[in-house]
């Protein structure tokens, strides 16, 4: 998430992902056990997840830490997990 935040949205652009997968396929094309379509879908879904999380949480501030905020987030997550069960 920090890398996406620092680099901007171009890192998760579909054209950038496709170019990256194509480059990897050229380098590792001799290996028969790699499913490149699955790899591209996984990377795309991963970046989509990062985009959604950044949208929900806002900018990350890795140099700022608050124990109180962390404990409040953990408590909220515990409550959600109890509700899901």
N, C-alpha and C. Protein backbone atom coordinates (compact mmCIF):
# COMPACT_ATOMS: atom_id res chain seq x y z
N UNK A 1 0.82 -1.18 0.00
CA UNK A 1 0.00 0.00 0.00
C UNK A 1 0.87 1.25 0.00
N UNK A 2 1.95 1.21 0.76
CA UNK A 2 2.84 2.37 0.78
C UNK A 2 3.47 2.61 -0.58
N UNK A 3 3.84 1.53 -1.27
CA UNK A 3 4.44 1.68 -2.59
C UNK A 3 3.43 2.31 -3.55
N UNK A 4 2.19 1.87 -3.53
CA UNK A 4 1.16 2.44 -4.39
C UNK A 4 0.94 3.90 -4.04
N UNK A 5 0.90 4.20 -2.75
CA UNK A 5 0.68 5.58 -2.32
C UNK A 5 1.83 6.48 -2.78
N UNK A 6 3.06 5.98 -2.69
CA UNK A 6 4.21 6.78 -3.09
C UNK A 6 4.31 6.92 -4.61
N UNK A 7 4.02 5.85 -5.34
CA UNK A 7 4.18 5.85 -6.79
C UNK A 7 2.99 6.45 -7.52
N UNK A 8 1.84 6.41 -6.90
CA UNK A 8 0.65 6.92 -7.55
C UNK A 8 -0.10 5.82 -8.27
N UNK A 9 -1.24 6.18 -8.86
CA UNK A 9 -2.11 5.16 -9.47
C UNK A 9 -1.54 4.48 -10.71
N UNK A 10 -0.51 5.08 -11.33
CA UNK A 10 0.04 4.46 -12.54
C UNK A 10 0.61 3.07 -12.26
N UNK A 11 1.01 2.80 -11.02
CA UNK A 11 1.58 1.48 -10.70
C UNK A 11 0.52 0.38 -10.81
N UNK A 12 -0.74 0.72 -10.59
CA UNK A 12 -1.80 -0.28 -10.66
C UNK A 12 -2.62 -0.17 -11.93
N UNK A 13 -2.15 0.61 -12.87
CA UNK A 13 -2.81 0.78 -14.16
C UNK A 13 -2.81 -0.56 -14.92
N UNK A 14 -3.93 -0.95 -15.52
CA UNK A 14 -3.97 -2.23 -16.25
C UNK A 14 -2.90 -2.37 -17.32
N UNK A 15 -2.57 -1.28 -18.00
CA UNK A 15 -1.53 -1.35 -19.03
C UNK A 15 -0.16 -1.63 -18.41
N UNK A 16 0.11 -1.06 -17.26
CA UNK A 16 1.38 -1.30 -16.57
C UNK A 16 1.46 -2.75 -16.10
N UNK A 17 0.36 -3.25 -15.57
CA UNK A 17 0.32 -4.65 -15.12
C UNK A 17 0.53 -5.58 -16.30
N UNK A 18 -0.17 -5.32 -17.40
CA UNK A 18 -0.03 -6.17 -18.59
C UNK A 18 1.40 -6.15 -19.11
N UNK A 19 2.02 -4.99 -19.14
CA UNK A 19 3.41 -4.88 -19.62
C UNK A 19 4.36 -5.64 -18.69
N UNK A 20 4.11 -5.57 -17.40
CA UNK A 20 4.95 -6.29 -16.43
C UNK A 20 4.83 -7.79 -16.61
N UNK A 21 3.59 -8.26 -16.78
CA UNK A 21 3.37 -9.70 -16.97
C UNK A 21 4.01 -10.14 -18.28
N UNK A 22 3.90 -9.34 -19.31
CA UNK A 22 4.50 -9.68 -20.60
C UNK A 22 6.02 -9.79 -20.48
N UNK A 23 6.61 -8.86 -19.74
CA UNK A 23 8.06 -8.90 -19.53
C UNK A 23 8.46 -10.16 -18.78
N UNK A 24 7.73 -10.49 -17.73
CA UNK A 24 8.02 -11.71 -16.97
C UNK A 24 7.83 -12.95 -17.85
N UNK A 25 6.80 -12.95 -18.68
CA UNK A 25 6.56 -14.09 -19.56
C UNK A 25 7.71 -14.27 -20.54
N UNK A 26 8.28 -13.17 -21.01
CA UNK A 26 9.43 -13.26 -21.92
C UNK A 26 10.64 -13.84 -21.20
N UNK A 27 10.84 -13.41 -19.97
CA UNK A 27 12.01 -13.87 -19.20
C UNK A 27 11.85 -15.33 -18.78
N UNK A 28 10.64 -15.69 -18.33
CA UNK A 28 10.41 -17.04 -17.80
C UNK A 28 9.55 -17.89 -18.74
N UNK A 29 9.52 -17.56 -20.01
CA UNK A 29 8.69 -18.25 -20.98
C UNK A 29 8.99 -19.73 -21.14
N UNK A 30 10.19 -20.14 -20.81
CA UNK A 30 10.57 -21.55 -20.95
C UNK A 30 9.94 -22.44 -19.87
N UNK A 31 9.50 -21.83 -18.79
CA UNK A 31 8.91 -22.61 -17.70
C UNK A 31 7.45 -22.89 -18.01
N UNK A 32 7.10 -24.15 -18.08
CA UNK A 32 5.77 -24.56 -18.55
C UNK A 32 4.71 -24.55 -17.46
N UNK A 33 5.11 -24.50 -16.22
CA UNK A 33 4.14 -24.64 -15.15
C UNK A 33 3.62 -23.28 -14.63
N UNK A 34 3.82 -22.19 -15.36
CA UNK A 34 3.35 -20.88 -14.94
C UNK A 34 2.09 -20.52 -15.72
N UNK A 35 1.03 -20.24 -15.00
CA UNK A 35 -0.23 -19.81 -15.61
C UNK A 35 -0.25 -18.29 -15.61
N UNK A 36 0.15 -17.68 -16.72
CA UNK A 36 0.30 -16.22 -16.79
C UNK A 36 -1.03 -15.49 -16.66
N UNK A 37 -2.08 -16.06 -17.17
CA UNK A 37 -3.39 -15.42 -17.04
C UNK A 37 -3.79 -15.35 -15.56
N UNK A 38 -3.59 -16.45 -14.85
CA UNK A 38 -3.88 -16.46 -13.41
C UNK A 38 -3.01 -15.45 -12.68
N UNK A 39 -1.73 -15.39 -13.03
CA UNK A 39 -0.80 -14.45 -12.41
C UNK A 39 -1.28 -13.01 -12.64
N UNK A 40 -1.66 -12.69 -13.87
CA UNK A 40 -2.12 -11.33 -14.17
C UNK A 40 -3.41 -11.00 -13.41
N UNK A 41 -4.33 -11.95 -13.36
CA UNK A 41 -5.57 -11.72 -12.61
C UNK A 41 -5.29 -11.50 -11.13
N UNK A 42 -4.37 -12.28 -10.58
CA UNK A 42 -4.03 -12.15 -9.17
C UNK A 42 -3.41 -10.79 -8.87
N UNK A 43 -2.49 -10.37 -9.71
CA UNK A 43 -1.86 -9.06 -9.51
C UNK A 43 -2.89 -7.95 -9.66
N UNK A 44 -3.75 -8.05 -10.66
CA UNK A 44 -4.79 -7.04 -10.87
C UNK A 44 -5.73 -6.96 -9.67
N UNK A 45 -6.17 -8.11 -9.18
CA UNK A 45 -7.06 -8.13 -8.02
C UNK A 45 -6.36 -7.59 -6.78
N UNK A 46 -5.07 -7.89 -6.64
CA UNK A 46 -4.31 -7.38 -5.51
C UNK A 46 -4.24 -5.86 -5.52
N UNK A 47 -3.93 -5.29 -6.68
CA UNK A 47 -3.86 -3.83 -6.77
C UNK A 47 -5.24 -3.21 -6.59
N UNK A 48 -6.27 -3.87 -7.08
CA UNK A 48 -7.63 -3.35 -6.88
C UNK A 48 -7.96 -3.30 -5.39
N UNK A 49 -7.54 -4.33 -4.67
CA UNK A 49 -7.75 -4.37 -3.23
C UNK A 49 -7.02 -3.23 -2.54
N UNK A 50 -5.79 -2.97 -2.97
CA UNK A 50 -5.02 -1.86 -2.41
C UNK A 50 -5.73 -0.54 -2.67
N UNK A 51 -6.21 -0.35 -3.90
CA UNK A 51 -6.93 0.88 -4.25
C UNK A 51 -8.15 1.07 -3.34
N UNK A 52 -8.91 0.00 -3.14
CA UNK A 52 -10.11 0.07 -2.31
C UNK A 52 -9.75 0.39 -0.86
N UNK A 53 -8.70 -0.24 -0.36
CA UNK A 53 -8.30 0.00 1.03
C UNK A 53 -7.81 1.43 1.21
N UNK A 54 -7.04 1.95 0.26
CA UNK A 54 -6.59 3.33 0.36
C UNK A 54 -7.77 4.30 0.29
N UNK A 55 -8.75 3.95 -0.52
CA UNK A 55 -9.94 4.79 -0.62
C UNK A 55 -10.71 4.81 0.70
N UNK A 56 -10.80 3.64 1.34
CA UNK A 56 -11.52 3.54 2.61
C UNK A 56 -10.78 4.21 3.76
N UNK A 57 -9.48 3.99 3.83
CA UNK A 57 -8.73 4.43 5.00
C UNK A 57 -8.06 5.79 4.83
N UNK A 58 -7.91 6.24 3.60
CA UNK A 58 -7.19 7.49 3.37
C UNK A 58 -5.70 7.23 3.32
N UNK A 59 -4.94 8.31 3.27
CA UNK A 59 -3.49 8.17 3.16
C UNK A 59 -2.89 7.52 4.39
N UNK A 60 -1.88 6.71 4.14
CA UNK A 60 -1.16 6.05 5.23
C UNK A 60 -0.13 7.02 5.81
N UNK A 61 0.05 6.95 7.08
CA UNK A 61 1.06 7.77 7.74
C UNK A 61 1.96 6.85 8.56
N UNK A 62 2.92 6.19 7.91
CA UNK A 62 3.73 5.19 8.60
C UNK A 62 4.66 5.76 9.66
N UNK A 63 4.89 7.06 9.63
CA UNK A 63 5.78 7.64 10.64
C UNK A 63 5.02 8.06 11.88
N UNK A 64 3.71 7.98 11.86
CA UNK A 64 2.89 8.35 13.00
C UNK A 64 2.28 7.08 13.60
N UNK A 65 2.42 6.94 14.91
CA UNK A 65 1.84 5.76 15.55
C UNK A 65 1.15 6.19 16.83
N UNK A 66 -0.04 5.69 17.00
CA UNK A 66 -0.79 5.96 18.22
C UNK A 66 -1.26 4.63 18.78
N UNK A 67 -0.80 4.30 19.94
CA UNK A 67 -1.21 3.04 20.57
C UNK A 67 -2.72 3.01 20.79
N UNK A 68 -3.28 4.15 21.18
CA UNK A 68 -4.73 4.21 21.42
C UNK A 68 -5.50 3.91 20.13
N UNK A 69 -5.09 4.53 19.00
CA UNK A 69 -5.77 4.27 17.73
C UNK A 69 -5.62 2.81 17.31
N UNK A 70 -4.43 2.27 17.48
CA UNK A 70 -4.20 0.87 17.11
C UNK A 70 -5.09 -0.05 17.93
N UNK A 71 -5.19 0.19 19.22
CA UNK A 71 -6.03 -0.64 20.08
C UNK A 71 -7.51 -0.49 19.71
N UNK A 72 -7.92 0.72 19.36
CA UNK A 72 -9.31 0.92 18.94
C UNK A 72 -9.62 0.16 17.65
N UNK A 73 -8.68 0.18 16.70
CA UNK A 73 -8.88 -0.57 15.45
C UNK A 73 -8.91 -2.06 15.71
N UNK A 74 -8.03 -2.55 16.58
CA UNK A 74 -8.03 -3.98 16.91
C UNK A 74 -9.33 -4.39 17.59
N UNK A 75 -9.82 -3.57 18.49
CA UNK A 75 -11.08 -3.87 19.16
C UNK A 75 -12.23 -3.92 18.15
N UNK A 76 -12.24 -2.99 17.20
CA UNK A 76 -13.28 -2.98 16.17
C UNK A 76 -13.20 -4.22 15.30
N UNK A 77 -11.96 -4.63 14.94
CA UNK A 77 -11.80 -5.85 14.15
C UNK A 77 -12.28 -7.08 14.90
N UNK A 78 -11.98 -7.15 16.18
CA UNK A 78 -12.45 -8.28 16.99
C UNK A 78 -13.97 -8.34 17.01
N UNK A 79 -14.59 -7.17 17.14
CA UNK A 79 -16.06 -7.12 17.14
C UNK A 79 -16.62 -7.61 15.81
N UNK A 80 -16.01 -7.19 14.72
CA UNK A 80 -16.47 -7.63 13.40
C UNK A 80 -16.34 -9.14 13.26
N UNK A 81 -15.24 -9.69 13.69
CA UNK A 81 -15.03 -11.15 13.57
C UNK A 81 -16.02 -11.91 14.42
N UNK A 82 -16.35 -11.40 15.59
CA UNK A 82 -17.35 -12.07 16.41
C UNK A 82 -18.70 -12.04 15.72
N UNK A 83 -19.01 -10.92 15.08
CA UNK A 83 -20.29 -10.78 14.38
C UNK A 83 -20.38 -11.72 13.21
N UNK A 84 -19.25 -11.95 12.51
CA UNK A 84 -19.23 -12.82 11.33
C UNK A 84 -19.43 -14.28 11.71
N UNK A 85 -19.06 -14.65 12.90
CA UNK A 85 -19.13 -16.08 13.28
C UNK A 85 -20.49 -16.50 13.61
